[in-house]
């Protein structure tokens, strides 16, 4: 990922043309990525700084995880827990006084798990109209759980445009790499 091209899916405008059942106000069948898209913000202050005076990367990661969790919960229609952070890229420092905005959406959905892409932008709190700076991007994996903490089935993902189809394909590639890495590690440990 680089700052010029954000592939997390979180930079798109919501899709307002999805078919819904007016009786229940829920999607019938699969859901488009826009269904769960969500943004959270943080005003960075002195409690968020590291030894260099910038906002600590862990604070950015916390915002990313919270935002991704909200998107996963929206898509799955209930609780979802973080299973993995597949990739996290810090692209620019964040200063005290910056407003951080994390935007997330589901890029891929399986039977019980989903990949969520998150984009984080930053802008100075006191300079309205300043172009936001892309400061971080991440991909996380969530598992939807029931009341007993067991995995539960989730709605499928129905991409609404070519960009969302591409993101879903790329998420499938990341998933296959995760699974292959795990299998190779497990095989090596069993020797």
C-alpha atoms as a PDB file:
ATOM      1  CA  UNK A   1       0.000   0.000   0.000  1.00  0.00           C
ATOM      2  CA  UNK A   2       1.176   3.517  -0.620  1.00  0.00           C
ATOM      3  CA  UNK A   3      -0.320   6.919   0.044  1.00  0.00           C
ATOM      4  CA  UNK A   4      -1.171   7.460  -3.607  1.00  0.00           C
ATOM      5  CA  UNK A   5      -3.370   4.374  -3.928  1.00  0.00           C
ATOM      6  CA  UNK A   6      -5.634   3.255  -1.128  1.00  0.00           C
ATOM      7  CA  UNK A   7      -6.982  -0.253  -1.623  1.00  0.00           C
ATOM      8  CA  UNK A   8      -8.585  -0.726   1.782  1.00  0.00           C
ATOM      9  CA  UNK A   9     -12.022   0.101   0.378  1.00  0.00           C
ATOM     10  CA  UNK A  10     -12.574   2.745   2.988  1.00  0.00           C
ATOM     11  CA  UNK A  11     -12.215   5.689   0.606  1.00  0.00           C
ATOM     12  CA  UNK A  12     -15.405   5.080  -1.380  1.00  0.00           C
ATOM     13  CA  UNK A  13     -18.691   6.898  -1.059  1.00  0.00           C
ATOM     14  CA  UNK A  14     -21.553   4.842   0.376  1.00  0.00           C
ATOM     15  CA  UNK A  15     -23.741   2.929  -2.063  1.00  0.00           C
ATOM     16  CA  UNK A  16     -27.299   4.123  -1.520  1.00  0.00           C
ATOM     17  CA  UNK A  17     -28.866   1.960  -4.209  1.00  0.00           C
ATOM     18  CA  UNK A  18     -28.852  -1.403  -2.418  1.00  0.00           C
ATOM     19  CA  UNK A  19     -32.072  -3.402  -2.385  1.00  0.00           C
ATOM     20  CA  UNK A  20     -33.613  -3.685   1.061  1.00  0.00           C
ATOM     21  CA  UNK A  21     -36.725  -5.292   2.445  1.00  0.00           C
ATOM     22  CA  UNK A  22     -38.857  -2.332   3.632  1.00  0.00           C
ATOM     23  CA  UNK A  23     -40.675  -4.538   6.181  1.00  0.00           C
ATOM     24  CA  UNK A  24     -37.523  -5.377   8.136  1.00  0.00           C
ATOM     25  CA  UNK A  25     -35.131  -2.666   6.878  1.00  0.00           C
ATOM     26  CA  UNK A  26     -32.437  -5.308   6.426  1.00  0.00           C
ATOM     27  CA  UNK A  27     -30.689  -6.571   3.350  1.00  0.00           C
ATOM     28  CA  UNK A  28     -32.035  -9.704   1.750  1.00  0.00           C
ATOM     29  CA  UNK A  29     -29.232 -12.109   0.882  1.00  0.00           C
ATOM     30  CA  UNK A  30     -25.748 -10.652   0.669  1.00  0.00           C
ATOM     31  CA  UNK A  31     -24.735  -7.136   1.615  1.00  0.00           C
ATOM     32  CA  UNK A  32     -22.679  -4.604  -0.346  1.00  0.00           C
ATOM     33  CA  UNK A  33     -19.476  -3.266   1.243  1.00  0.00           C
ATOM     34  CA  UNK A  34     -21.229   0.062   1.845  1.00  0.00           C
ATOM     35  CA  UNK A  35     -23.665  -1.613   4.269  1.00  0.00           C
ATOM     36  CA  UNK A  36     -21.067  -1.786   7.018  1.00  0.00           C
ATOM     37  CA  UNK A  37     -18.926   1.224   6.096  1.00  0.00           C
ATOM     38  CA  UNK A  38     -18.193   3.346   9.163  1.00  0.00           C
ATOM     39  CA  UNK A  39     -15.879   6.178  10.289  1.00  0.00           C
ATOM     40  CA  UNK A  40     -14.551   6.983  13.751  1.00  0.00           C
ATOM     41  CA  UNK A  41     -12.486  10.019  14.769  1.00  0.00           C
ATOM     42  CA  UNK A  42      -9.922  10.925  17.406  1.00  0.00           C
ATOM     43  CA  UNK A  43      -8.536  14.332  18.388  1.00  0.00           C
ATOM     44  CA  UNK A  44      -4.895  13.521  19.164  1.00  0.00           C
ATOM     45  CA  UNK A  45      -3.675  15.032  22.449  1.00  0.00           C
ATOM     46  CA  UNK A  46      -0.734  14.801  24.866  1.00  0.00           C
ATOM     47  CA  UNK A  47      -1.888  11.446  26.257  1.00  0.00           C
ATOM     48  CA  UNK A  48      -1.400   9.869  22.812  1.00  0.00           C
ATOM     49  CA  UNK A  49       2.265  10.825  22.201  1.00  0.00           C
ATOM     50  CA  UNK A  50       5.396   8.700  22.009  1.00  0.00           C
ATOM     51  CA  UNK A  51       8.932   9.728  23.039  1.00  0.00           C
ATOM     52  CA  UNK A  52       9.397  11.614  19.760  1.00  0.00           C
ATOM     53  CA  UNK A  53       6.339  13.805  20.343  1.00  0.00           C
ATOM     54  CA  UNK A  54       4.277  12.180  17.609  1.00  0.00           C
ATOM     55  CA  UNK A  55       1.117  10.178  18.186  1.00  0.00           C
ATOM     56  CA  UNK A  56       2.092   6.643  19.233  1.00  0.00           C
ATOM     57  CA  UNK A  57       1.478   4.006  16.559  1.00  0.00           C
ATOM     58  CA  UNK A  58      -0.415   1.928  19.106  1.00  0.00           C
ATOM     59  CA  UNK A  59      -3.008   4.701  19.422  1.00  0.00           C
ATOM     60  CA  UNK A  60      -3.507   4.637  15.660  1.00  0.00           C
ATOM     61  CA  UNK A  61      -3.777   0.831  15.787  1.00  0.00           C
ATOM     62  CA  UNK A  62      -6.402   1.069  18.525  1.00  0.00           C
ATOM     63  CA  UNK A  63      -8.487   3.449  16.405  1.00  0.00           C
ATOM     64  CA  UNK A  64      -8.048   1.123  13.404  1.00  0.00           C
ATOM     65  CA  UNK A  65      -9.185  -1.928  15.398  1.00  0.00           C
ATOM     66  CA  UNK A  66     -12.206  -0.110  16.859  1.00  0.00           C
ATOM     67  CA  UNK A  67     -13.282   1.165  13.443  1.00  0.00           C
ATOM     68  CA  UNK A  68     -12.796  -2.226  11.793  1.00  0.00           C
ATOM     69  CA  UNK A  69     -14.761  -3.871  14.600  1.00  0.00           C
ATOM     70  CA  UNK A  70     -17.672  -1.505  14.056  1.00  0.00           C
ATOM     71  CA  UNK A  71     -17.688  -2.278  10.312  1.00  0.00           C
ATOM     72  CA  UNK A  72     -17.491  -6.040  10.983  1.00  0.00           C
ATOM     73  CA  UNK A  73     -20.328  -5.843  13.495  1.00  0.00           C
ATOM     74  CA  UNK A  74     -22.497  -3.881  11.082  1.00  0.00           C
ATOM     75  CA  UNK A  75     -21.905  -6.297   8.211  1.00  0.00           C
ATOM     76  CA  UNK A  76     -22.395  -9.416  10.328  1.00  0.00           C
ATOM     77  CA  UNK A  77     -25.359  -8.058  12.273  1.00  0.00           C
ATOM     78  CA  UNK A  78     -23.832  -8.669  15.696  1.00  0.00           C
ATOM     79  CA  UNK A  79     -20.624  -9.116  17.678  1.00  0.00           C
ATOM     80  CA  UNK A  80     -17.382  -9.789  15.849  1.00  0.00           C
ATOM     81  CA  UNK A  81     -13.900 -10.171  17.311  1.00  0.00           C
ATOM     82  CA  UNK A  82     -10.456  -9.417  15.909  1.00  0.00           C
ATOM     83  CA  UNK A  83      -8.787 -12.611  14.697  1.00  0.00           C
ATOM     84  CA  UNK A  84      -5.760 -11.082  12.955  1.00  0.00           C
ATOM     85  CA  UNK A  85      -4.218  -7.869  11.747  1.00  0.00           C
ATOM     86  CA  UNK A  86      -3.038  -8.934   8.326  1.00  0.00           C
ATOM     87  CA  UNK A  87      -1.216  -5.755   7.376  1.00  0.00           C
ATOM     88  CA  UNK A  88      -0.643  -2.310   8.907  1.00  0.00           C
ATOM     89  CA  UNK A  89       1.237   0.429   7.092  1.00  0.00           C
ATOM     90  CA  UNK A  90       2.176   3.731   8.735  1.00  0.00           C
ATOM     91  CA  UNK A  91       2.609   6.270   5.954  1.00  0.00           C
ATOM     92  CA  UNK A  92       3.127   9.615   7.725  1.00  0.00           C
ATOM     93  CA  UNK A  93       3.533  10.865  11.305  1.00  0.00           C
ATOM     94  CA  UNK A  94       0.547  12.192  13.245  1.00  0.00           C
ATOM     95  CA  UNK A  95       0.978  15.286  15.416  1.00  0.00           C
ATOM     96  CA  UNK A  96      -0.681  16.330  18.643  1.00  0.00           C
ATOM     97  CA  UNK A  97      -3.717  18.390  17.682  1.00  0.00           C
ATOM     98  CA  UNK A  98      -4.407  16.435  14.515  1.00  0.00           C
ATOM     99  CA  UNK A  99      -7.867  15.038  13.907  1.00  0.00           C
ATOM    100  CA  UNK A 100      -7.614  11.385  12.883  1.00  0.00           C
ATOM    101  CA  UNK A 101     -10.437   9.871  10.859  1.00  0.00           C
ATOM    102  CA  UNK A 102     -10.471   6.111  10.331  1.00  0.00           C
ATOM    103  CA  UNK A 103     -12.877   4.720   7.739  1.00  0.00           C
ATOM    104  CA  UNK A 104     -13.504   0.986   7.356  1.00  0.00           C
ATOM    105  CA  UNK A 105     -15.485  -1.430   5.215  1.00  0.00           C
ATOM    106  CA  UNK A 106     -15.692  -5.176   4.674  1.00  0.00           C
ATOM    107  CA  UNK A 107     -13.707  -6.256   1.599  1.00  0.00           C
ATOM    108  CA  UNK A 108     -14.368 -10.003   1.790  1.00  0.00           C
ATOM    109  CA  UNK A 109     -16.783 -12.227   3.715  1.00  0.00           C
ATOM    110  CA  UNK A 110     -16.609 -15.979   4.210  1.00  0.00           C
ATOM    111  CA  UNK A 111     -18.892 -18.236   6.225  1.00  0.00           C
ATOM    112  CA  UNK A 112     -18.004 -16.798   9.670  1.00  0.00           C
ATOM    113  CA  UNK A 113     -15.046 -14.480   9.026  1.00  0.00           C
ATOM    114  CA  UNK A 114     -14.445 -11.301   7.075  1.00  0.00           C
ATOM    115  CA  UNK A 115     -11.605  -9.011   6.023  1.00  0.00           C
ATOM    116  CA  UNK A 116     -12.006  -5.331   6.848  1.00  0.00           C
ATOM    117  CA  UNK A 117      -9.937  -2.595   5.186  1.00  0.00           C
ATOM    118  CA  UNK A 118      -9.231   0.605   7.125  1.00  0.00           C
ATOM    119  CA  UNK A 119      -7.875   3.935   5.904  1.00  0.00           C
ATOM    120  CA  UNK A 120      -6.707   6.605   8.360  1.00  0.00           C
ATOM    121  CA  UNK A 121      -6.491  10.267   7.370  1.00  0.00           C
ATOM    122  CA  UNK A 122      -5.222  13.168   9.461  1.00  0.00           C
ATOM    123  CA  UNK A 123      -5.735  16.919   9.372  1.00  0.00           C
ATOM    124  CA  UNK A 124      -4.826  19.772  11.743  1.00  0.00           C
ATOM    125  CA  UNK A 125      -7.646  20.632  14.165  1.00  0.00           C
ATOM    126  CA  UNK A 126      -7.213  24.386  13.661  1.00  0.00           C
ATOM    127  CA  UNK A 127      -6.884  24.592   9.881  1.00  0.00           C
ATOM    128  CA  UNK A 128     -10.299  24.044   8.317  1.00  0.00           C
ATOM    129  CA  UNK A 129     -10.190  23.189   4.638  1.00  0.00           C
ATOM    130  CA  UNK A 130      -6.754  21.580   4.852  1.00  0.00           C
ATOM    131  CA  UNK A 131      -6.460  18.548   2.598  1.00  0.00           C
ATOM    132  CA  UNK A 132      -6.376  15.405   4.768  1.00  0.00           C
ATOM    133  CA  UNK A 133      -3.149  13.370   4.738  1.00  0.00           C
ATOM    134  CA  UNK A 134      -3.358   9.578   4.336  1.00  0.00           C
ATOM    135  CA  UNK A 135      -1.364   8.433   7.385  1.00  0.00           C
ATOM    136  CA  UNK A 136      -2.112   4.711   7.709  1.00  0.00           C
ATOM    137  CA  UNK A 137      -3.873   1.726   6.127  1.00  0.00           C
ATOM    138  CA  UNK A 138      -4.611  -1.725   7.468  1.00  0.00           C
ATOM    139  CA  UNK A 139      -6.345  -5.022   6.762  1.00  0.00           C
ATOM    140  CA  UNK A 140      -7.867  -6.966   9.658  1.00  0.00           C
ATOM    141  CA  UNK A 141      -9.678 -10.292   9.918  1.00  0.00           C
ATOM    142  CA  UNK A 142     -12.750 -10.583  12.152  1.00  0.00           C
ATOM    143  CA  UNK A 143     -14.838 -13.568  13.197  1.00  0.00           C
ATOM    144  CA  UNK A 144     -18.516 -13.117  14.011  1.00  0.00           C
ATOM    145  CA  UNK A 145     -19.497 -14.769  17.302  1.00  0.00           C
ATOM    146  CA  UNK A 146     -22.733 -15.797  18.994  1.00  0.00           C
ATOM    147  CA  UNK A 147     -23.733 -15.353  22.661  1.00  0.00           C
ATOM    148  CA  UNK A 148     -21.562 -18.342  23.657  1.00  0.00           C
ATOM    149  CA  UNK A 149     -18.515 -16.948  21.849  1.00  0.00           C
ATOM    150  CA  UNK A 150     -18.717 -19.519  19.041  1.00  0.00           C
ATOM    151  CA  UNK A 151     -18.327 -18.535  15.370  1.00  0.00           C
ATOM    152  CA  UNK A 152     -21.641 -17.782  13.649  1.00  0.00           C
ATOM    153  CA  UNK A 153     -22.585 -17.481  10.006  1.00  0.00           C
ATOM    154  CA  UNK A 154     -22.601 -14.068   8.364  1.00  0.00           C
ATOM    155  CA  UNK A 155     -24.153 -12.575   5.214  1.00  0.00           C
ATOM    156  CA  UNK A 156     -22.167 -12.881   2.010  1.00  0.00           C
ATOM    157  CA  UNK A 157     -20.543  -9.838   0.443  1.00  0.00           C
ATOM    158  CA  UNK A 158     -21.948  -8.554  -2.842  1.00  0.00           C
ATOM    159  CA  UNK A 159     -19.600  -6.041  -4.477  1.00  0.00           C
ATOM    160  CA  UNK A 160     -21.480  -3.250  -6.236  1.00  0.00           C
ATOM    161  CA  UNK A 161     -18.785  -2.077  -8.681  1.00  0.00           C
ATOM    162  CA  UNK A 162     -15.484  -3.033 -10.311  1.00  0.00           C
ATOM    163  CA  UNK A 163     -13.383  -1.462  -7.532  1.00  0.00           C
ATOM    164  CA  UNK A 164     -15.168  -3.540  -4.893  1.00  0.00           C
ATOM    165  CA  UNK A 165     -14.769  -6.699  -7.006  1.00  0.00           C
ATOM    166  CA  UNK A 166     -11.015  -5.982  -7.251  1.00  0.00           C
ATOM    167  CA  UNK A 167     -10.774  -5.436  -3.493  1.00  0.00           C
ATOM    168  CA  UNK A 168     -12.603  -8.704  -2.842  1.00  0.00           C
ATOM    169  CA  UNK A 169     -10.237 -10.569  -5.195  1.00  0.00           C
ATOM    170  CA  UNK A 170      -7.196  -9.016  -3.478  1.00  0.00           C
ATOM    171  CA  UNK A 171      -8.645  -9.947  -0.061  1.00  0.00           C
ATOM    172  CA  UNK A 172      -8.993 -13.547  -1.289  1.00  0.00           C
ATOM    173  CA  UNK A 173      -5.303 -13.495  -2.271  1.00  0.00           C
ATOM    174  CA  UNK A 174      -4.320 -12.217   1.201  1.00  0.00           C
ATOM    175  CA  UNK A 175      -6.489 -14.960   2.760  1.00  0.00           C
ATOM    176  CA  UNK A 176      -4.867 -17.701   0.672  1.00  0.00           C
ATOM    177  CA  UNK A 177      -1.420 -16.396   1.690  1.00  0.00           C
ATOM    178  CA  UNK A 178      -2.416 -16.404   5.387  1.00  0.00           C
ATOM    179  CA  UNK A 179      -3.710 -19.964   5.148  1.00  0.00           C
ATOM    180  CA  UNK A 180      -0.646 -21.188   3.213  1.00  0.00           C
ATOM    181  CA  UNK A 181       1.703 -19.543   5.734  1.00  0.00           C
ATOM    182  CA  UNK A 182      -0.182 -21.147   8.638  1.00  0.00           C
ATOM    183  CA  UNK A 183      -0.104 -24.589   6.971  1.00  0.00           C
ATOM    184  CA  UNK A 184       3.632 -24.335   6.305  1.00  0.00           C
ATOM    185  CA  UNK A 185       4.340 -23.253   9.892  1.00  0.00           C
ATOM    186  CA  UNK A 186       2.142 -26.040  11.301  1.00  0.00           C
ATOM    187  CA  UNK A 187       3.902 -28.584   9.079  1.00  0.00           C
ATOM    188  CA  UNK A 188       7.316 -27.380  10.247  1.00  0.00           C
ATOM    189  CA  UNK A 189       6.290 -27.612  13.900  1.00  0.00           C
ATOM    190  CA  UNK A 190       4.993 -31.172  13.498  1.00  0.00           C
ATOM    191  CA  UNK A 191       8.417 -32.502  12.427  1.00  0.00           C
END
